[in-house]
Amino acid sequence: MRVRCCDDAGSAAAEFVLVGALLTVLTLSVMQFGLALHVRNTVIDAAGEGARVAALADNSLADGVRRTTDLLSVALGDAYTGDVTAAYGDFLGYPAASITVRAPLPLLGLLGPDRMLEVTGHGAVETLD
């Protein structure tokens, strides 16, 4: 019986496990990045829509905050509706309503540090003259 010093027998199983684990981690990381990007885009859209509602001539800031929290609770859940503020001010030299949302940044599923994602939406204020 001959014994080979550089035999590769049995290494395929170990290689399969190592490559499979690496590809699983890579796939889950890409999916988590996609989820974080989806949450960011949804929060930006809700803030902008709330600012546009608040800027309408017959609406108030409370209407904009209500619209923003409604959109966030339907799309992402109530955990993302806790810190929504509104104010009137100027944006690019014009009167505007601003809605600011501070939300968790999802790092593991939808869990993440609170108030790490801050976005502001602006809407040009309508007036009836």
Foldseek 3Di string as FASTA:
>chain_A
DDDDPDDPPPVVVVVCVVVVVVVVVVVVVVVLVVVLVVLLVQLQVLQQVLFAQCQEAPHHNVSSLVSSQVSCCVPPRNQQSPDKDWDWDDDPRAIKIKIKGFAARDDDVNDHDGRPRIDMHIHGHDHDD
